[in-house]
PDB file of N, CA and C in Angstrom:
ATOM      1  N   UNK A   1      -0.152  -4.545  -2.896  1.00  0.00           N
ATOM      2  CA  UNK A   1      -0.334  -4.651  -1.499  1.00  0.00           C
ATOM      3  C   UNK A   1       0.685  -5.607  -0.906  1.00  0.00           C
ATOM      4  N   UNK A   2       0.941  -6.720  -1.606  1.00  0.00           N
ATOM      5  CA  UNK A   2       1.821  -7.742  -1.092  1.00  0.00           C
ATOM      6  C   UNK A   2       3.252  -7.178  -0.990  1.00  0.00           C
ATOM      7  N   UNK A   3       3.662  -6.516  -2.050  1.00  0.00           N
ATOM      8  CA  UNK A   3       5.027  -5.911  -2.052  1.00  0.00           C
ATOM      9  C   UNK A   3       5.187  -4.890  -0.960  1.00  0.00           C
ATOM     10  N   UNK A   4       4.135  -4.093  -0.716  1.00  0.00           N
ATOM     11  CA  UNK A   4       4.153  -3.015   0.267  1.00  0.00           C
ATOM     12  C   UNK A   4       4.233  -3.597   1.700  1.00  0.00           C
ATOM     13  N   UNK A   5       3.397  -4.514   1.964  1.00  0.00           N
ATOM     14  CA  UNK A   5       3.189  -4.972   3.341  1.00  0.00           C
ATOM     15  C   UNK A   5       4.082  -6.136   3.761  1.00  0.00           C
ATOM     16  N   UNK A   6       4.315  -7.057   2.834  1.00  0.00           N
ATOM     17  CA  UNK A   6       4.987  -8.325   3.211  1.00  0.00           C
ATOM     18  C   UNK A   6       6.405  -8.331   2.768  1.00  0.00           C
ATOM     19  N   UNK A   7       6.636  -8.097   1.432  1.00  0.00           N
ATOM     20  CA  UNK A   7       8.002  -8.196   0.952  1.00  0.00           C
ATOM     21  C   UNK A   7       8.960  -7.082   1.451  1.00  0.00           C
ATOM     22  N   UNK A   8       8.448  -5.822   1.428  1.00  0.00           N
ATOM     23  CA  UNK A   8       9.268  -4.698   1.839  1.00  0.00           C
ATOM     24  C   UNK A   8       8.957  -4.161   3.213  1.00  0.00           C
ATOM     25  N   UNK A   9       7.702  -4.339   3.643  1.00  0.00           N
ATOM     26  CA  UNK A   9       7.198  -3.719   4.909  1.00  0.00           C
ATOM     27  C   UNK A   9       7.546  -2.211   4.944  1.00  0.00           C
ATOM     28  N   UNK A  10       7.027  -1.550   3.918  1.00  0.00           N
ATOM     29  CA  UNK A  10       7.351  -0.068   3.713  1.00  0.00           C
ATOM     30  C   UNK A  10       6.862   0.747   4.905  1.00  0.00           C
ATOM     31  N   UNK A  11       7.776   1.651   5.368  1.00  0.00           N
ATOM     32  CA  UNK A  11       7.472   2.528   6.488  1.00  0.00           C
ATOM     33  C   UNK A  11       7.239   3.936   5.849  1.00  0.00           C
ATOM     34  N   UNK A  12       6.005   4.354   5.744  1.00  0.00           N
ATOM     35  CA  UNK A  12       5.659   5.626   5.160  1.00  0.00           C
ATOM     36  C   UNK A  12       6.113   6.806   5.990  1.00  0.00           C
ATOM     37  N   UNK A  13       6.452   6.603   7.230  1.00  0.00           N
ATOM     38  CA  UNK A  13       6.998   7.657   8.071  1.00  0.00           C
ATOM     39  C   UNK A  13       8.354   8.089   7.640  1.00  0.00           C
ATOM     40  N   UNK A  14       9.035   7.411   6.739  1.00  0.00           N
ATOM     41  CA  UNK A  14      10.347   7.749   6.320  1.00  0.00           C
ATOM     42  C   UNK A  14      10.340   8.638   5.025  1.00  0.00           C
ATOM     43  N   UNK A  15       9.181   9.049   4.575  1.00  0.00           N
ATOM     44  CA  UNK A  15       9.091   9.888   3.420  1.00  0.00           C
ATOM     45  C   UNK A  15       9.765  11.223   3.701  1.00  0.00           C
ATOM     46  N   UNK A  16      10.430  11.814   2.739  1.00  0.00           N
ATOM     47  CA  UNK A  16      11.034  13.138   2.890  1.00  0.00           C
ATOM     48  C   UNK A  16       9.971  14.194   2.952  1.00  0.00           C
ATOM     49  N   UNK A  17       9.882  14.928   4.047  1.00  0.00           N
ATOM     50  CA  UNK A  17       8.797  15.969   4.211  1.00  0.00           C
ATOM     51  C   UNK A  17       8.900  17.084   3.178  1.00  0.00           C
ATOM     52  N   UNK A  18      10.030  17.264   2.531  1.00  0.00           N
ATOM     53  CA  UNK A  18      10.208  18.329   1.565  1.00  0.00           C
ATOM     54  C   UNK A  18       9.616  18.013   0.241  1.00  0.00           C
ATOM     55  N   UNK A  19       9.692  16.717  -0.193  1.00  0.00           N
ATOM     56  CA  UNK A  19       9.174  16.392  -1.511  1.00  0.00           C
ATOM     57  C   UNK A  19       8.241  15.181  -1.544  1.00  0.00           C
ATOM     58  N   UNK A  20       7.965  14.532  -0.463  1.00  0.00           N
ATOM     59  CA  UNK A  20       7.070  13.390  -0.387  1.00  0.00           C
ATOM     60  C   UNK A  20       7.580  12.133  -1.096  1.00  0.00           C
ATOM     61  N   UNK A  21       8.875  11.991  -1.126  1.00  0.00           N
ATOM     62  CA  UNK A  21       9.504  10.825  -1.762  1.00  0.00           C
ATOM     63  C   UNK A  21      10.501  10.158  -0.802  1.00  0.00           C
ATOM     64  N   UNK A  22      10.813   8.874  -1.051  1.00  0.00           N
ATOM     65  CA  UNK A  22      11.775   8.215  -0.279  1.00  0.00           C
ATOM     66  C   UNK A  22      13.177   8.573  -0.744  1.00  0.00           C
ATOM     67  N   UNK A  23      14.173   8.386   0.061  1.00  0.00           N
ATOM     68  CA  UNK A  23      15.548   8.638  -0.322  1.00  0.00           C
ATOM     69  C   UNK A  23      15.920   7.700  -1.486  1.00  0.00           C
ATOM     70  N   UNK A  24      16.433   8.283  -2.627  1.00  0.00           N
ATOM     71  CA  UNK A  24      16.709   7.488  -3.759  1.00  0.00           C
ATOM     72  C   UNK A  24      17.735   6.359  -3.539  1.00  0.00           C
ATOM     73  N   UNK A  25      18.509   6.505  -2.469  1.00  0.00           N
ATOM     74  CA  UNK A  25      19.511   5.504  -2.128  1.00  0.00           C
ATOM     75  C   UNK A  25      18.998   4.533  -1.068  1.00  0.00           C
ATOM     76  N   UNK A  26      17.872   4.780  -0.525  1.00  0.00           N
ATOM     77  CA  UNK A  26      17.357   3.994   0.577  1.00  0.00           C
ATOM     78  C   UNK A  26      16.636   2.716   0.089  1.00  0.00           C
ATOM     79  N   UNK A  27      16.220   1.883   1.047  1.00  0.00           N
ATOM     80  CA  UNK A  27      15.622   0.639   0.766  1.00  0.00           C
ATOM     81  C   UNK A  27      14.232   0.683   0.195  1.00  0.00           C
ATOM     82  N   UNK A  28      13.540   1.843   0.439  1.00  0.00           N
ATOM     83  CA  UNK A  28      12.152   2.013  -0.039  1.00  0.00           C
ATOM     84  C   UNK A  28      12.037   2.839  -1.270  1.00  0.00           C
ATOM     85  N   UNK A  29      13.166   3.157  -1.929  1.00  0.00           N
ATOM     86  CA  UNK A  29      13.123   3.979  -3.144  1.00  0.00           C
ATOM     87  C   UNK A  29      12.257   3.346  -4.197  1.00  0.00           C
ATOM     88  N   UNK A  30      11.321   4.115  -4.713  1.00  0.00           N
ATOM     89  CA  UNK A  30      10.396   3.660  -5.769  1.00  0.00           C
ATOM     90  C   UNK A  30       9.104   3.078  -5.219  1.00  0.00           C
ATOM     91  N   UNK A  31       8.960   3.074  -3.902  1.00  0.00           N
ATOM     92  CA  UNK A  31       7.747   2.466  -3.322  1.00  0.00           C
ATOM     93  C   UNK A  31       6.848   3.550  -2.750  1.00  0.00           C
ATOM     94  N   UNK A  32       6.873   4.745  -3.312  1.00  0.00           N
ATOM     95  CA  UNK A  32       6.050   5.822  -2.790  1.00  0.00           C
ATOM     96  C   UNK A  32       4.563   5.485  -3.043  1.00  0.00           C
ATOM     97  N   UNK A  33       4.239   4.693  -4.012  1.00  0.00           N
ATOM     98  CA  UNK A  33       2.842   4.252  -4.272  1.00  0.00           C
ATOM     99  C   UNK A  33       2.211   3.501  -3.165  1.00  0.00           C
ATOM    100  N   UNK A  34       3.043   2.999  -2.229  1.00  0.00           N
ATOM    101  CA  UNK A  34       2.515   2.233  -1.085  1.00  0.00           C
ATOM    102  C   UNK A  34       1.937   3.189  -0.025  1.00  0.00           C
ATOM    103  N   UNK A  35       2.179   4.512  -0.189  1.00  0.00           N
ATOM    104  CA  UNK A  35       1.778   5.452   0.854  1.00  0.00           C
ATOM    105  C   UNK A  35       0.731   6.363   0.321  1.00  0.00           C
ATOM    106  N   UNK A  36      -0.211   6.741   1.174  1.00  0.00           N
ATOM    107  CA  UNK A  36      -1.144   7.807   0.915  1.00  0.00           C
ATOM    108  C   UNK A  36      -0.452   9.117   1.329  1.00  0.00           C
ATOM    109  N   UNK A  37       0.027   9.873   0.330  1.00  0.00           N
ATOM    110  CA  UNK A  37       0.840  11.039   0.606  1.00  0.00           C
ATOM    111  C   UNK A  37      -0.060  12.276   0.607  1.00  0.00           C
ATOM    112  N   UNK A  38       0.032  13.042   1.684  1.00  0.00           N
ATOM    113  CA  UNK A  38      -0.733  14.332   1.774  1.00  0.00           C
ATOM    114  C   UNK A  38       0.229  15.499   1.933  1.00  0.00           C
ATOM    115  N   UNK A  39      -0.222  16.647   1.570  1.00  0.00           N
ATOM    116  CA  UNK A  39       0.597  17.857   1.597  1.00  0.00           C
ATOM    117  C   UNK A  39      -0.172  18.985   2.366  1.00  0.00           C
ATOM    118  N   UNK A  40       0.503  19.637   3.238  1.00  0.00           N
ATOM    119  CA  UNK A  40      -0.074  20.746   3.908  1.00  0.00           C
ATOM    120  C   UNK A  40       0.987  21.813   4.072  1.00  0.00           C
ATOM    121  N   UNK A  41       0.766  22.996   3.480  1.00  0.00           N
ATOM    122  CA  UNK A  41       1.728  24.108   3.559  1.00  0.00           C
ATOM    123  C   UNK A  41       3.143  23.735   3.127  1.00  0.00           C
ATOM    124  N   UNK A  42       3.222  22.886   2.083  1.00  0.00           N
ATOM    125  CA  UNK A  42       4.543  22.574   1.570  1.00  0.00           C
ATOM    126  C   UNK A  42       5.247  21.447   2.279  1.00  0.00           C
ATOM    127  N   UNK A  43       4.583  20.879   3.296  1.00  0.00           N
ATOM    128  CA  UNK A  43       5.178  19.720   4.044  1.00  0.00           C
ATOM    129  C   UNK A  43       4.395  18.465   3.684  1.00  0.00           C
ATOM    130  N   UNK A  44       5.088  17.423   3.248  1.00  0.00           N
ATOM    131  CA  UNK A  44       4.515  16.190   2.882  1.00  0.00           C
ATOM    132  C   UNK A  44       4.594  15.189   3.961  1.00  0.00           C
ATOM    133  N   UNK A  45       3.520  14.357   4.145  1.00  0.00           N
ATOM    134  CA  UNK A  45       3.525  13.262   5.061  1.00  0.00           C
ATOM    135  C   UNK A  45       2.846  12.079   4.371  1.00  0.00           C
ATOM    136  N   UNK A  46       3.106  10.885   4.935  1.00  0.00           N
ATOM    137  CA  UNK A  46       2.513   9.700   4.337  1.00  0.00           C
ATOM    138  C   UNK A  46       2.021   8.744   5.388  1.00  0.00           C
ATOM    139  N   UNK A  47       1.009   8.013   5.037  1.00  0.00           N
ATOM    140  CA  UNK A  47       0.475   6.949   5.865  1.00  0.00           C
ATOM    141  C   UNK A  47       0.256   5.748   5.040  1.00  0.00           C
ATOM    142  N   UNK A  48       0.162   4.542   5.714  1.00  0.00           N
ATOM    143  CA  UNK A  48      -0.059   3.319   4.948  1.00  0.00           C
ATOM    144  C   UNK A  48      -1.266   3.388   4.079  1.00  0.00           C
ATOM    145  N   UNK A  49      -1.131   2.916   2.879  1.00  0.00           N
ATOM    146  CA  UNK A  49      -2.250   2.979   1.893  1.00  0.00           C
ATOM    147  C   UNK A  49      -3.072   1.728   1.892  1.00  0.00           C
ATOM    148  N   UNK A  50      -2.400   0.612   2.187  1.00  0.00           N
ATOM    149  CA  UNK A  50      -3.063  -0.698   2.051  1.00  0.00           C
ATOM    150  C   UNK A  50      -3.329  -1.235   3.435  1.00  0.00           C
ATOM    151  N   UNK A  51      -4.592  -1.749   3.591  1.00  0.00           N
ATOM    152  CA  UNK A  51      -4.955  -2.487   4.795  1.00  0.00           C
ATOM    153  C   UNK A  51      -4.642  -3.931   4.538  1.00  0.00           C
ATOM    154  N   UNK A  52      -4.864  -4.713   5.565  1.00  0.00           N
ATOM    155  CA  UNK A  52      -4.666  -6.165   5.418  1.00  0.00           C
ATOM    156  C   UNK A  52      -5.627  -6.707   4.367  1.00  0.00           C
ATOM    157  N   UNK A  53      -5.130  -7.554   3.464  1.00  0.00           N
ATOM    158  CA  UNK A  53      -5.936  -8.069   2.407  1.00  0.00           C
ATOM    159  C   UNK A  53      -6.490  -9.391   2.898  1.00  0.00           C
ATOM    160  N   UNK A  54      -7.830  -9.513   2.784  1.00  0.00           N
ATOM    161  CA  UNK A  54      -8.458 -10.789   3.188  1.00  0.00           C
ATOM    162  C   UNK A  54      -9.094 -11.439   1.980  1.00  0.00           C
ATOM    163  N   UNK A  55      -8.558 -12.555   1.607  1.00  0.00           N
ATOM    164  CA  UNK A  55      -9.072 -13.234   0.430  1.00  0.00           C
ATOM    165  C   UNK A  55     -10.064 -14.317   0.831  1.00  0.00           C
ATOM    166  N   UNK A  56     -11.157 -14.451   0.037  1.00  0.00           N
ATOM    167  CA  UNK A  56     -12.125 -15.456   0.271  1.00  0.00           C
ATOM    168  C   UNK A  56     -12.423 -16.216  -0.962  1.00  0.00           C
ATOM    169  N   UNK A  57     -12.787 -17.459  -0.800  1.00  0.00           N
ATOM    170  CA  UNK A  57     -13.170 -18.294  -1.963  1.00  0.00           C
ATOM    171  C   UNK A  57     -14.676 -18.322  -2.136  1.00  0.00           C
ATOM    172  N   UNK A  58     -15.123 -18.462  -3.366  1.00  0.00           N
ATOM    173  CA  UNK A  58     -16.544 -18.540  -3.627  1.00  0.00           C
ATOM    174  C   UNK A  58     -16.760 -19.528  -4.760  1.00  0.00           C
ATOM    175  N   UNK A  59     -17.773 -20.353  -4.628  1.00  0.00           N
ATOM    176  CA  UNK A  59     -18.033 -21.337  -5.697  1.00  0.00           C
ATOM    177  C   UNK A  59     -19.538 -21.504  -5.844  1.00  0.00           C
ATOM    178  N   UNK A  60     -19.957 -21.916  -6.976  1.00  0.00           N
ATOM    179  CA  UNK A  60     -21.366 -22.241  -7.248  1.00  0.00           C
ATOM    180  C   UNK A  60     -21.596 -23.666  -6.842  1.00  0.00           C
ATOM    181  N   UNK A  61     -22.864 -23.974  -6.478  1.00  0.00           N
ATOM    182  CA  UNK A  61     -23.198 -25.379  -6.217  1.00  0.00           C
ATOM    183  C   UNK A  61     -23.046 -26.187  -7.446  1.00  0.00           C
ATOM    184  N   UNK A  62     -22.551 -27.397  -7.307  1.00  0.00           N
ATOM    185  CA  UNK A  62     -22.315 -28.277  -8.442  1.00  0.00           C
ATOM    186  C   UNK A  62     -23.654 -28.861  -8.955  1.00  0.00           C
ATOM    187  N   UNK A  63     -24.463 -29.377  -8.032  1.00  0.00           N
ATOM    188  CA  UNK A  63     -25.719 -30.006  -8.402  1.00  0.00           C
ATOM    189  C   UNK A  63     -26.879 -28.986  -8.164  1.00  0.00           C
ATOM    190  N   UNK A  64     -27.235 -28.359  -9.267  1.00  0.00           N
ATOM    191  CA  UNK A  64     -28.302 -27.323  -9.160  1.00  0.00           C
ATOM    192  C   UNK A  64     -29.263 -27.568 -10.268  1.00  0.00           C
ATOM    193  N   UNK A  65     -30.590 -27.664  -9.938  1.00  0.00           N
ATOM    194  CA  UNK A  65     -31.584 -27.753 -10.990  1.00  0.00           C
ATOM    195  C   UNK A  65     -32.394 -26.502 -10.927  1.00  0.00           C
ATOM    196  N   UNK A  66     -32.501 -25.847 -12.085  1.00  0.00           N
ATOM    197  CA  UNK A  66     -33.333 -24.626 -12.155  1.00  0.00           C
ATOM    198  C   UNK A  66     -34.766 -24.963 -11.938  1.00  0.00           C
ATOM    199  N   UNK A  67     -35.542 -24.163 -11.217  1.00  0.00           N
ATOM    200  CA  UNK A  67     -36.949 -24.457 -10.959  1.00  0.00           C
ATOM    201  C   UNK A  67     -37.761 -24.377 -12.239  1.00  0.00           C
TER     202      UNK A  67
END
C-alpha cells in the first residue's frame, strides 16, 4: 500500500484498456497489483485497490492482577 499510494502515487486510470497493464516503458510498469482490474467485453479498466492505511497502537496494562 505504501509503494502504491506514497512512493509512486500510482494512477490506475493509465492502464492499457486492451490488456489491463501499464506501459512497459512508463513510470508505473510492474505496479499493476496496485489496481483492482476489471474486464468487460474485452476492455480492461482499473481503480485504486488500497484505501488509506490507518495504523493504531495497542498495549496491555502493565499492572494487572488476575481476580
